[in-house]
Each structure stands twice: as structure tokens, then as C-alpha cells.
Amino acid sequence: MQPDPVVHALVPDYPARFAPALTDPARATPDNVAGPRGKAAVKRYNVYRNNVTVSLINALASIYPAVQRITGAEFFRAMARFHIRKTPPTSPLLFEYGRDFPAFIAAYEYAQAMPWLADVARIERAWLDAYHAADTEPLGNGALAEVPPERLADVVFSPHPAARTMRSPFAAATIFAANRREEPSGAIDASVAEDVLITRPDHDVAVRHLPPGGAIFLAALMEAQPLGIAAAAAIEQVPDFDIGAAIAAMTEAGAFATLYLKGAS
């Protein structure tokens, strides 16, 4: 962020001394900031500081709309203000800001009555990252059919840049979906654990529930584990896990970009 034109540097280290106090109201106005004709610029600096904080709060509200709807605007903005003081931005790109916000929510004293709120925020962050991920053609539905049956266990999938998976001990995905639309929702049992896949097929971000074992299976595949090892990990946890259905659903969702055979030259 560039300094207001009404203030100017009186010493060489001006940017390093100007910026830190912008997100910390406990800090005094830097003594190297002055207004026209060298007069003190405390009021001008405070106005600029307030504008910076409001802009960052608004950025967080645009990134985490479901969280704000759940908590209400007043609670959200107070929580966001504390986060900004603790974690100022490090990038000029506002959509990059707030990556630490879910972890902050998890530790925030006044959000402890909503233990699932941090996971809702994690899904919102993953949604935004998927939205901004690189464009890549997803793997076609027939790609796996070209692999010889005796080599299926050696197949390694490359995840699509927009693909993300998350596990929550709460119904975070259901709560997320209910609060990203205007229509009222019914009662939600927040204690039901949910696993989700976030992808961007056809340029639209989608959040899908994964069946039991699906997150274990997909996480292994996204870590470049061969299909046989990923399937064994899922079956160990869920003996009746349907591998074929899981692969078909994940491919249809656009979770993969390419595949290859481990050890193939």
C-alpha cells in the first residue's frame, strides 16, 4: 500500500517505519511522518490507518462470507480486526490475505462456542484458492480404460491444480453450503463428520461430499501414491470402500489432470 500523498518521508527508512503502525493502533504515529510545510500529521495518519484496517476487514469479509453470515457482521468485524493486528498482510494482493484466519478463528476465545467455524473458514479459503488455480484440462473419463488391467495398481494420478481435499470432525461442508446461499436452511447436526473435495470443473468451483474412505483414498492419490497403495489405505479404514465408484466420481469432478504408470520409461 502506498502512503497518502499528504505525508512524506523525512528519513531514508521511511517505508519500514511508516507501515508497522498501520495495523496496530497501540503504536504511535511514526515521527518521520509530516503533513504540508512539515507540520505533524497525527490525524492524517490515523485516518489512513483506519482506512487500511477497514479495507483489510472488507477483504476478509469477501473471502469468508459464510463465516460472516454465521457470526453476524459485528462479531465478524471485531474478530477480523484482532486478526489484522496480529497478522498484517505480507502481499499486495488482497485475495492472498487471510490464509491464517481459519487458525486464528480456531484459537479465538469468543468463537469457542462454534468449534466448527474454523473448518468452515478452511473450506472458504480452499474455495478461493481453487477459483484462482491455474487452468488445466482435467483428465478424461476414458483415460484409465487405456491402462492394461495388470498395471492398474501402478497408476499414479497428478491432481488438478484446483483440486483440494479436507476432512472435518464436523458438518463443515453442510454448514458452508447453507451459508453461501440466500435460501434458509433446516436444522444441521454439526457433530456429523464430513470429508470434502473442492474442484473447479467447467470453471465453476464445486464442493462435494466424499464417501467414507474417500478422503483417505484421494489424499494418497494426490500425494502421488500408486492406485494400489491408495486403495489399500482406504479399504483398511473402510472394508467395503468402492474403488471403481470413487475413481469415477473423482474423475468426473475434475480432481485429476494426468496419469502415468509408476516405473514406466
C-alpha atoms as a PDB file:
ATOM      1  CA  MET A   1       0.000   0.000   0.000  1.00  0.00           C
ATOM      2  CA  GLN A   2       1.361   3.435  -0.960  1.00  0.00           C
ATOM      3  CA  PRO A   3       1.479   6.253   1.614  1.00  0.00           C
ATOM      4  CA  ASP A   4      -1.041   9.065   1.368  1.00  0.00           C
ATOM      5  CA  PRO A   5       0.404  11.874  -0.795  1.00  0.00           C
ATOM      6  CA  VAL A   6      -0.102  14.389   2.012  1.00  0.00           C
ATOM      7  CA  VAL A   7       2.588  12.686   4.083  1.00  0.00           C
ATOM      8  CA  HIS A   8       6.201  12.376   3.094  1.00  0.00           C
ATOM      9  CA  ALA A   9       9.495  10.884   4.189  1.00  0.00           C
ATOM     10  CA  LEU A  10      11.968  12.824   6.254  1.00  0.00           C
ATOM     11  CA  VAL A  11      14.410   9.919   6.696  1.00  0.00           C
ATOM     12  CA  PRO A  12      15.660   7.156   4.362  1.00  0.00           C
ATOM     13  CA  ASP A  13      13.992   4.256   6.232  1.00  0.00           C
ATOM     14  CA  TYR A  14      10.561   5.859   5.860  1.00  0.00           C
ATOM     15  CA  PRO A  15       8.646   2.812   4.457  1.00  0.00           C
ATOM     16  CA  ALA A  16       9.908   0.497   7.207  1.00  0.00           C
ATOM     17  CA  ARG A  17       8.873   2.997   9.883  1.00  0.00           C
ATOM     18  CA  PHE A  18       5.616   4.080   8.222  1.00  0.00           C
ATOM     19  CA  ALA A  19       3.959   0.671   7.706  1.00  0.00           C
ATOM     20  CA  PRO A  20       4.066  -1.265  11.021  1.00  0.00           C
ATOM     21  CA  ALA A  21       1.797   1.125  12.921  1.00  0.00           C
ATOM     22  CA  LEU A  22      -0.904   0.985  10.247  1.00  0.00           C
ATOM     23  CA  THR A  23      -2.415  -2.208  11.653  1.00  0.00           C
ATOM     24  CA  ASP A  24      -1.536  -1.616  15.310  1.00  0.00           C
ATOM     25  CA  PRO A  25      -3.436   1.246  16.968  1.00  0.00           C
ATOM     26  CA  ALA A  26      -1.273   0.880  20.082  1.00  0.00           C
ATOM     27  CA  ARG A  27       1.711   2.221  18.159  1.00  0.00           C
ATOM     28  CA  ALA A  28       2.283   5.930  17.989  1.00  0.00           C
ATOM     29  CA  THR A  29       2.329   7.796  14.713  1.00  0.00           C
ATOM     30  CA  PRO A  30       5.830   7.410  13.233  1.00  0.00           C
ATOM     31  CA  ASP A  31       7.889  10.516  13.948  1.00  0.00           C
ATOM     32  CA  ASN A  32       9.059  10.642  10.330  1.00  0.00           C
ATOM     33  CA  VAL A  33       5.529  11.400   9.054  1.00  0.00           C
ATOM     34  CA  ALA A  34       4.611  15.006   8.442  1.00  0.00           C
ATOM     35  CA  GLY A  35       1.992  16.946   6.581  1.00  0.00           C
ATOM     36  CA  PRO A  36       2.259  20.121   4.462  1.00  0.00           C
ATOM     37  CA  ARG A  37       5.008  22.521   5.488  1.00  0.00           C
ATOM     38  CA  GLY A  38       6.402  19.968   7.914  1.00  0.00           C
ATOM     39  CA  LYS A  39       3.533  20.053  10.388  1.00  0.00           C
ATOM     40  CA  ALA A  40       2.686  16.953  12.427  1.00  0.00           C
ATOM     41  CA  ALA A  41       0.308  14.571  10.662  1.00  0.00           C
ATOM     42  CA  VAL A  42      -1.120  12.511  13.521  1.00  0.00           C
ATOM     43  CA  LYS A  43      -4.755  12.998  12.482  1.00  0.00           C
ATOM     44  CA  ARG A  44      -3.989  12.376   8.819  1.00  0.00           C
ATOM     45  CA  TYR A  45      -2.050   9.224   9.676  1.00  0.00           C
ATOM     46  CA  ASN A  46      -4.861   7.935  11.898  1.00  0.00           C
ATOM     47  CA  VAL A  47      -7.372   8.426   9.092  1.00  0.00           C
ATOM     48  CA  TYR A  48      -5.110   6.498   6.739  1.00  0.00           C
ATOM     49  CA  ARG A  49      -4.575   3.793   9.370  1.00  0.00           C
ATOM     50  CA  ASN A  50      -8.334   3.415   9.810  1.00  0.00           C
ATOM     51  CA  ASN A  51      -8.820   3.174   6.037  1.00  0.00           C
ATOM     52  CA  VAL A  52      -6.201   0.408   5.824  1.00  0.00           C
ATOM     53  CA  THR A  53      -7.875  -1.574   8.604  1.00  0.00           C
ATOM     54  CA  VAL A  54     -11.333  -1.179   7.084  1.00  0.00           C
ATOM     55  CA  SER A  55     -10.012  -2.302   3.687  1.00  0.00           C
ATOM     56  CA  LEU A  56      -8.475  -5.439   5.204  1.00  0.00           C
ATOM     57  CA  ILE A  57     -11.645  -6.233   7.149  1.00  0.00           C
ATOM     58  CA  ASN A  58     -13.658  -5.873   3.940  1.00  0.00           C
ATOM     59  CA  ALA A  59     -11.194  -8.160   2.164  1.00  0.00           C
ATOM     60  CA  LEU A  60     -11.657 -10.828   4.832  1.00  0.00           C
ATOM     61  CA  ALA A  61     -15.437 -10.442   4.607  1.00  0.00           C
ATOM     62  CA  SER A  62     -15.301 -11.044   0.847  1.00  0.00           C
ATOM     63  CA  ILE A  63     -13.106 -14.138   1.316  1.00  0.00           C
ATOM     64  CA  TYR A  64     -15.144 -15.580   4.194  1.00  0.00           C
ATOM     65  CA  PRO A  65     -18.791 -14.636   3.507  1.00  0.00           C
ATOM     66  CA  ALA A  66     -20.215 -17.787   5.109  1.00  0.00           C
ATOM     67  CA  VAL A  67     -18.255 -17.166   8.295  1.00  0.00           C
ATOM     68  CA  GLN A  68     -19.570 -13.599   8.415  1.00  0.00           C
ATOM     69  CA  ARG A  69     -23.143 -14.750   7.843  1.00  0.00           C
ATOM     70  CA  ILE A  70     -22.825 -17.285  10.669  1.00  0.00           C
ATOM     71  CA  THR A  71     -21.329 -14.886  13.194  1.00  0.00           C
ATOM     72  CA  GLY A  72     -23.049 -11.707  12.096  1.00  0.00           C
ATOM     73  CA  ALA A  73     -21.261  -8.663  10.720  1.00  0.00           C
ATOM     74  CA  GLU A  74     -20.475  -7.051  14.080  1.00  0.00           C
ATOM     75  CA  PHE A  75     -18.874 -10.176  15.567  1.00  0.00           C
ATOM     76  CA  PHE A  76     -17.003 -10.889  12.335  1.00  0.00           C
ATOM     77  CA  ARG A  77     -15.570  -7.400  12.004  1.00  0.00           C
ATOM     78  CA  ALA A  78     -14.389  -7.383  15.617  1.00  0.00           C
ATOM     79  CA  MET A  79     -12.741 -10.779  15.141  1.00  0.00           C
ATOM     80  CA  ALA A  80     -11.188  -9.659  11.854  1.00  0.00           C
ATOM     81  CA  ARG A  81      -9.796  -6.526  13.491  1.00  0.00           C
ATOM     82  CA  PHE A  82      -7.981  -8.610  16.131  1.00  0.00           C
ATOM     83  CA  HIS A  83      -6.631 -10.878  13.378  1.00  0.00           C
ATOM     84  CA  ILE A  84      -5.329  -7.907  11.398  1.00  0.00           C
ATOM     85  CA  ARG A  85      -3.448  -6.586  14.416  1.00  0.00           C
ATOM     86  CA  LYS A  86      -1.864  -9.989  14.942  1.00  0.00           C
ATOM     87  CA  THR A  87      -1.212 -10.853  11.291  1.00  0.00           C
ATOM     88  CA  PRO A  88      -0.676  -7.866   8.974  1.00  0.00           C
ATOM     89  CA  PRO A  89      -0.565  -8.501   5.212  1.00  0.00           C
ATOM     90  CA  THR A  90       2.647  -9.565   3.515  1.00  0.00           C
ATOM     91  CA  SER A  91       1.404  -9.439  -0.088  1.00  0.00           C
ATOM     92  CA  PRO A  92      -0.029  -6.554  -2.136  1.00  0.00           C
ATOM     93  CA  LEU A  93      -2.702  -8.963  -3.453  1.00  0.00           C
ATOM     94  CA  LEU A  94      -5.742  -8.753  -1.195  1.00  0.00           C
ATOM     95  CA  PHE A  95      -7.047 -12.196  -2.178  1.00  0.00           C
ATOM     96  CA  GLU A  96      -3.843 -13.659  -0.732  1.00  0.00           C
ATOM     97  CA  TYR A  97      -4.602 -12.133   2.647  1.00  0.00           C
ATOM     98  CA  GLY A  98      -6.240 -14.120   5.427  1.00  0.00           C
ATOM     99  CA  ARG A  99      -4.610 -17.520   4.948  1.00  0.00           C
ATOM    100  CA  ASP A 100      -4.036 -17.662   8.707  1.00  0.00           C
ATOM    101  CA  PHE A 101      -7.590 -16.575   9.517  1.00  0.00           C
ATOM    102  CA  PRO A 102      -9.004 -20.128   9.986  1.00  0.00           C
ATOM    103  CA  ALA A 103      -6.252 -20.945  12.502  1.00  0.00           C
ATOM    104  CA  PHE A 104      -6.923 -17.628  14.229  1.00  0.00           C
ATOM    105  CA  ILE A 105     -10.638 -18.468  14.456  1.00  0.00           C
ATOM    106  CA  ALA A 106      -9.820 -21.867  15.991  1.00  0.00           C
ATOM    107  CA  ALA A 107      -7.922 -20.128  18.806  1.00  0.00           C
ATOM    108  CA  TYR A 108     -10.205 -17.080  19.139  1.00  0.00           C
ATOM    109  CA  GLU A 109     -11.711 -17.044  22.619  1.00  0.00           C
ATOM    110  CA  TYR A 110     -15.142 -15.778  21.595  1.00  0.00           C
ATOM    111  CA  ALA A 111     -15.553 -18.351  18.794  1.00  0.00           C
ATOM    112  CA  GLN A 112     -15.098 -21.410  21.007  1.00  0.00           C
ATOM    113  CA  ALA A 113     -18.864 -21.940  21.171  1.00  0.00           C
ATOM    114  CA  MET A 114     -18.702 -22.650  17.407  1.00  0.00           C
ATOM    115  CA  PRO A 115     -15.934 -25.297  17.162  1.00  0.00           C
ATOM    116  CA  TRP A 116     -16.825 -25.996  13.530  1.00  0.00           C
ATOM    117  CA  LEU A 117     -16.388 -22.368  12.431  1.00  0.00           C
ATOM    118  CA  ALA A 118     -12.658 -22.695  11.683  1.00  0.00           C
ATOM    119  CA  ASP A 119     -13.306 -25.631   9.337  1.00  0.00           C
ATOM    120  CA  VAL A 120     -16.000 -23.649   7.520  1.00  0.00           C
ATOM    121  CA  ALA A 121     -13.355 -20.945   7.055  1.00  0.00           C
ATOM    122  CA  ARG A 122     -10.862 -23.534   5.775  1.00  0.00           C
ATOM    123  CA  ILE A 123     -13.369 -24.621   3.129  1.00  0.00           C
ATOM    124  CA  GLU A 124     -13.918 -20.986   2.113  1.00  0.00           C
ATOM    125  CA  ARG A 125     -10.153 -20.472   1.778  1.00  0.00           C
ATOM    126  CA  ALA A 126      -9.847 -23.656  -0.295  1.00  0.00           C
ATOM    127  CA  TRP A 127     -12.772 -22.451  -2.448  1.00  0.00           C
ATOM    128  CA  LEU A 128     -10.945 -19.199  -3.215  1.00  0.00           C
ATOM    129  CA  ASP A 129      -7.645 -20.954  -3.917  1.00  0.00           C
ATOM    130  CA  ALA A 130      -9.414 -23.340  -6.274  1.00  0.00           C
ATOM    131  CA  TYR A 131     -11.014 -20.377  -8.024  1.00  0.00           C
ATOM    132  CA  HIS A 132      -7.606 -18.773  -8.640  1.00  0.00           C
ATOM    133  CA  ALA A 133      -5.773 -22.002  -9.509  1.00  0.00           C
ATOM    134  CA  ALA A 134      -4.145 -22.476 -12.904  1.00  0.00           C
ATOM    135  CA  ASP A 135      -6.273 -23.562 -15.844  1.00  0.00           C
ATOM    136  CA  THR A 136      -5.580 -27.150 -16.857  1.00  0.00           C
ATOM    137  CA  GLU A 137      -7.675 -29.605 -18.822  1.00  0.00           C
ATOM    138  CA  PRO A 138      -8.968 -32.286 -16.421  1.00  0.00           C
ATOM    139  CA  LEU A 139      -8.330 -35.968 -17.030  1.00  0.00           C
ATOM    140  CA  GLY A 140     -10.835 -37.550 -19.388  1.00  0.00           C
ATOM    141  CA  ASN A 141     -13.255 -40.208 -18.183  1.00  0.00           C
ATOM    142  CA  GLY A 142     -11.787 -42.814 -20.533  1.00  0.00           C
ATOM    143  CA  ALA A 143      -8.132 -42.334 -19.633  1.00  0.00           C
ATOM    144  CA  LEU A 144      -7.988 -45.176 -17.116  1.00  0.00           C
ATOM    145  CA  ALA A 145      -9.579 -47.609 -19.582  1.00  0.00           C
ATOM    146  CA  GLU A 146      -6.425 -47.402 -21.706  1.00  0.00           C
ATOM    147  CA  VAL A 147      -4.293 -48.849 -18.896  1.00  0.00           C
ATOM    148  CA  PRO A 148      -3.674 -52.637 -19.068  1.00  0.00           C
ATOM    149  CA  PRO A 149      -5.620 -54.330 -16.226  1.00  0.00           C
ATOM    150  CA  GLU A 150      -2.463 -55.890 -14.795  1.00  0.00           C
ATOM    151  CA  ARG A 151      -0.927 -52.408 -14.397  1.00  0.00           C
ATOM    152  CA  LEU A 152      -3.845 -50.642 -12.709  1.00  0.00           C
ATOM    153  CA  ALA A 153      -2.233 -50.872  -9.276  1.00  0.00           C
ATOM    154  CA  ASP A 154       0.762 -48.918 -10.634  1.00  0.00           C
ATOM    155  CA  VAL A 155      -1.252 -45.946 -11.901  1.00  0.00           C
ATOM    156  CA  VAL A 156      -0.220 -42.608 -10.428  1.00  0.00           C
ATOM    157  CA  PHE A 157      -2.531 -39.610 -10.757  1.00  0.00           C
ATOM    158  CA  SER A 158      -1.472 -35.970 -10.946  1.00  0.00           C
ATOM    159  CA  PRO A 159      -4.011 -33.739  -9.190  1.00  0.00           C
ATOM    160  CA  HIS A 160      -5.658 -30.874 -10.998  1.00  0.00           C
ATOM    161  CA  PRO A 161      -4.265 -27.501  -9.759  1.00  0.00           C
ATOM    162  CA  ALA A 162      -7.707 -26.592  -8.419  1.00  0.00           C
ATOM    163  CA  ALA A 163      -8.270 -29.851  -6.521  1.00  0.00           C
ATOM    164  CA  ARG A 164      -8.213 -29.805  -2.721  1.00  0.00           C
ATOM    165  CA  THR A 165      -9.496 -32.171  -0.076  1.00  0.00           C
ATOM    166  CA  MET A 166     -10.362 -31.588   3.556  1.00  0.00           C
ATOM    167  CA  ARG A 167     -11.516 -33.668   6.493  1.00  0.00           C
ATOM    168  CA  SER A 168     -13.540 -32.238   9.344  1.00  0.00           C
ATOM    169  CA  PRO A 169     -14.926 -33.798  12.524  1.00  0.00           C
ATOM    170  CA  PHE A 170     -17.913 -31.506  11.991  1.00  0.00           C
ATOM    171  CA  ALA A 171     -20.534 -30.980   9.289  1.00  0.00           C
ATOM    172  CA  ALA A 172     -18.434 -28.102   7.977  1.00  0.00           C
ATOM    173  CA  ALA A 173     -19.322 -28.608   4.309  1.00  0.00           C
ATOM    174  CA  THR A 174     -23.055 -28.646   5.005  1.00  0.00           C
ATOM    175  CA  ILE A 175     -22.766 -25.532   7.168  1.00  0.00           C
ATOM    176  CA  PHE A 176     -20.630 -23.871   4.469  1.00  0.00           C
ATOM    177  CA  ALA A 177     -23.184 -24.632   1.746  1.00  0.00           C
ATOM    178  CA  ALA A 178     -26.112 -23.477   3.866  1.00  0.00           C
ATOM    179  CA  ASN A 179     -24.455 -20.119   4.474  1.00  0.00           C
ATOM    180  CA  ARG A 180     -23.263 -19.445   0.924  1.00  0.00           C
ATOM    181  CA  ARG A 181     -26.813 -19.217  -0.410  1.00  0.00           C
ATOM    182  CA  GLU A 182     -29.651 -16.867   0.381  1.00  0.00           C
ATOM    183  CA  GLU A 183     -32.320 -19.531   0.925  1.00  0.00           C
ATOM    184  CA  PRO A 184     -32.920 -20.520   4.565  1.00  0.00           C
ATOM    185  CA  SER A 185     -31.771 -23.992   5.564  1.00  0.00           C
ATOM    186  CA  GLY A 186     -33.154 -26.510   8.002  1.00  0.00           C
ATOM    187  CA  ALA A 187     -31.540 -27.761  11.176  1.00  0.00           C
ATOM    188  CA  ILE A 188     -27.989 -29.103  10.756  1.00  0.00           C
ATOM    189  CA  ASP A 189     -26.374 -31.644  13.038  1.00  0.00           C
ATOM    190  CA  ALA A 190     -22.935 -30.063  13.295  1.00  0.00           C
ATOM    191  CA  SER A 191     -21.469 -33.128  15.044  1.00  0.00           C
ATOM    192  CA  VAL A 192     -21.536 -35.281  11.887  1.00  0.00           C
ATOM    193  CA  ALA A 193     -18.025 -35.592  10.438  1.00  0.00           C
ATOM    194  CA  GLU A 194     -17.640 -34.712   6.752  1.00  0.00           C
ATOM    195  CA  ASP A 195     -14.906 -35.103   4.153  1.00  0.00           C
ATOM    196  CA  VAL A 196     -14.969 -32.876   1.081  1.00  0.00           C
ATOM    197  CA  LEU A 197     -13.421 -32.446  -2.332  1.00  0.00           C
ATOM    198  CA  ILE A 198     -13.077 -28.949  -3.765  1.00  0.00           C
ATOM    199  CA  THR A 199     -12.596 -28.743  -7.537  1.00  0.00           C
ATOM    200  CA  ARG A 200     -13.274 -26.384 -10.405  1.00  0.00           C
ATOM    201  CA  PRO A 201     -14.872 -28.284 -13.289  1.00  0.00           C
ATOM    202  CA  ASP A 202     -16.138 -26.128 -16.152  1.00  0.00           C
ATOM    203  CA  HIS A 203     -14.641 -23.041 -14.436  1.00  0.00           C
ATOM    204  CA  ASP A 204     -17.110 -23.236 -11.527  1.00  0.00           C
ATOM    205  CA  VAL A 205     -15.807 -24.147  -8.079  1.00  0.00           C
ATOM    206  CA  ALA A 206     -17.682 -27.079  -6.537  1.00  0.00           C
ATOM    207  CA  VAL A 207     -17.576 -28.517  -3.028  1.00  0.00           C
ATOM    208  CA  ARG A 208     -18.534 -32.208  -2.930  1.00  0.00           C
ATOM    209  CA  HIS A 209     -19.011 -34.591  -0.033  1.00  0.00           C
ATOM    210  CA  LEU A 210     -16.750 -37.633  -0.151  1.00  0.00           C
ATOM    211  CA  PRO A 211     -17.997 -41.077   0.902  1.00  0.00           C
ATOM    212  CA  PRO A 212     -16.387 -42.842   3.892  1.00  0.00           C
ATOM    213  CA  GLY A 213     -12.808 -43.650   2.924  1.00  0.00           C
ATOM    214  CA  GLY A 214     -12.870 -41.181   0.051  1.00  0.00           C
ATOM    215  CA  ALA A 215     -10.648 -38.587   1.694  1.00  0.00           C
ATOM    216  CA  ILE A 216      -8.043 -41.212   2.636  1.00  0.00           C
ATOM    217  CA  PHE A 217      -8.071 -42.560  -0.911  1.00  0.00           C
ATOM    218  CA  LEU A 218      -7.915 -39.163  -2.588  1.00  0.00           C
ATOM    219  CA  ALA A 219      -5.259 -37.766  -0.237  1.00  0.00           C
ATOM    220  CA  ALA A 220      -2.988 -40.714  -1.051  1.00  0.00           C
ATOM    221  CA  LEU A 221      -3.529 -40.234  -4.787  1.00  0.00           C
ATOM    222  CA  MET A 222      -2.829 -36.500  -4.506  1.00  0.00           C
ATOM    223  CA  GLU A 223       0.449 -37.343  -2.772  1.00  0.00           C
ATOM    224  CA  ALA A 224       1.443 -39.388  -5.862  1.00  0.00           C
ATOM    225  CA  GLN A 225       0.872 -42.757  -4.213  1.00  0.00           C
ATOM    226  CA  PRO A 226       0.089 -45.530  -6.746  1.00  0.00           C
ATOM    227  CA  LEU A 227      -3.528 -46.579  -7.087  1.00  0.00           C
ATOM    228  CA  GLY A 228      -2.917 -49.924  -5.385  1.00  0.00           C
ATOM    229  CA  ILE A 229      -1.459 -48.331  -2.257  1.00  0.00           C
ATOM    230  CA  ALA A 230      -4.168 -45.655  -2.098  1.00  0.00           C
ATOM    231  CA  ALA A 231      -6.878 -48.308  -2.437  1.00  0.00           C
ATOM    232  CA  ALA A 232      -5.322 -50.441   0.307  1.00  0.00           C
ATOM    233  CA  ALA A 233      -5.231 -47.452   2.657  1.00  0.00           C
ATOM    234  CA  ALA A 234      -8.922 -46.705   2.057  1.00  0.00           C
ATOM    235  CA  ILE A 235     -10.004 -50.355   2.388  1.00  0.00           C
ATOM    236  CA  GLU A 236      -8.083 -50.697   5.638  1.00  0.00           C
ATOM    237  CA  GLN A 237     -10.308 -47.984   7.108  1.00  0.00           C
ATOM    238  CA  VAL A 238     -13.499 -48.815   5.198  1.00  0.00           C
ATOM    239  CA  PRO A 239     -13.589 -52.517   4.159  1.00  0.00           C
ATOM    240  CA  ASP A 240     -16.497 -52.038   1.725  1.00  0.00           C
ATOM    241  CA  PHE A 241     -14.945 -48.998   0.029  1.00  0.00           C
ATOM    242  CA  ASP A 242     -15.966 -48.933  -3.662  1.00  0.00           C
ATOM    243  CA  ILE A 243     -12.759 -48.114  -5.559  1.00  0.00           C
ATOM    244  CA  GLY A 244     -14.341 -48.037  -9.005  1.00  0.00           C
ATOM    245  CA  ALA A 245     -17.129 -45.684  -7.955  1.00  0.00           C
ATOM    246  CA  ALA A 246     -14.655 -43.425  -6.166  1.00  0.00           C
ATOM    247  CA  ILE A 247     -12.363 -43.131  -9.198  1.00  0.00           C
ATOM    248  CA  ALA A 248     -15.310 -42.427 -11.495  1.00  0.00           C
ATOM    249  CA  ALA A 249     -16.701 -39.750  -9.181  1.00  0.00           C
ATOM    250  CA  MET A 250     -13.335 -38.051  -8.667  1.00  0.00           C
ATOM    251  CA  THR A 251     -12.549 -38.095 -12.373  1.00  0.00           C
ATOM    252  CA  GLU A 252     -15.978 -36.675 -13.196  1.00  0.00           C
ATOM    253  CA  ALA A 253     -15.364 -33.963 -10.588  1.00  0.00           C
ATOM    254  CA  GLY A 254     -12.135 -32.952 -12.343  1.00  0.00           C
ATOM    255  CA  ALA A 255      -9.825 -33.896  -9.466  1.00  0.00           C
ATOM    256  CA  PHE A 256      -7.060 -35.207 -11.739  1.00  0.00           C
ATOM    257  CA  ALA A 257      -5.076 -33.691 -14.598  1.00  0.00           C
ATOM    258  CA  THR A 258      -2.946 -36.606 -15.851  1.00  0.00           C
ATOM    259  CA  LEU A 259      -1.972 -40.172 -15.040  1.00  0.00           C
ATOM    260  CA  TYR A 260       1.092 -42.300 -15.639  1.00  0.00           C
ATOM    261  CA  LEU A 261       2.419 -45.726 -14.718  1.00  0.00           C
ATOM    262  CA  LYS A 262       4.934 -45.943 -11.908  1.00  0.00           C
ATOM    263  CA  GLY A 263       8.206 -47.307 -13.199  1.00  0.00           C
ATOM    264  CA  ALA A 264       7.264 -46.800 -16.850  1.00  0.00           C
ATOM    265  CA  SER A 265      10.068 -45.463 -19.026  1.00  0.00           C
END
